[in-house]
Amino acid sequence: MSQRATVNDVEIRGPV
C-alpha cells in the first residue's frame, strides 16, 4: 500500500 493519499482517499477521509 502507498503512504501517499490518493484522490479516492481524499474524497473519503479528507486532506487531513
Protein backbone atom coordinates (compact mmCIF):
# COMPACT_ATOMS: atom_id res chain seq x y z
CA MET A 1 0.00 0.00 0.00
CA SER A 2 1.12 3.55 -0.64
CA GLN A 3 1.60 6.06 2.14
CA ARG A 4 0.50 8.90 -0.14
CA ALA A 5 -3.19 9.79 -0.10
CA THR A 6 -4.95 9.04 -3.37
CA VAL A 7 -7.78 11.09 -4.85
CA ASN A 8 -10.16 8.39 -3.61
CA ASP A 9 -8.79 8.67 -0.06
CA VAL A 10 -9.24 12.44 -0.13
CA GLU A 11 -12.88 12.02 -1.11
CA ILE A 12 -13.46 9.71 1.85
CA ARG A 13 -11.13 10.88 4.62
CA GLY A 14 -10.37 14.41 3.51
CA PRO A 15 -6.97 16.17 3.19
CA VAL A 16 -6.14 15.70 6.87
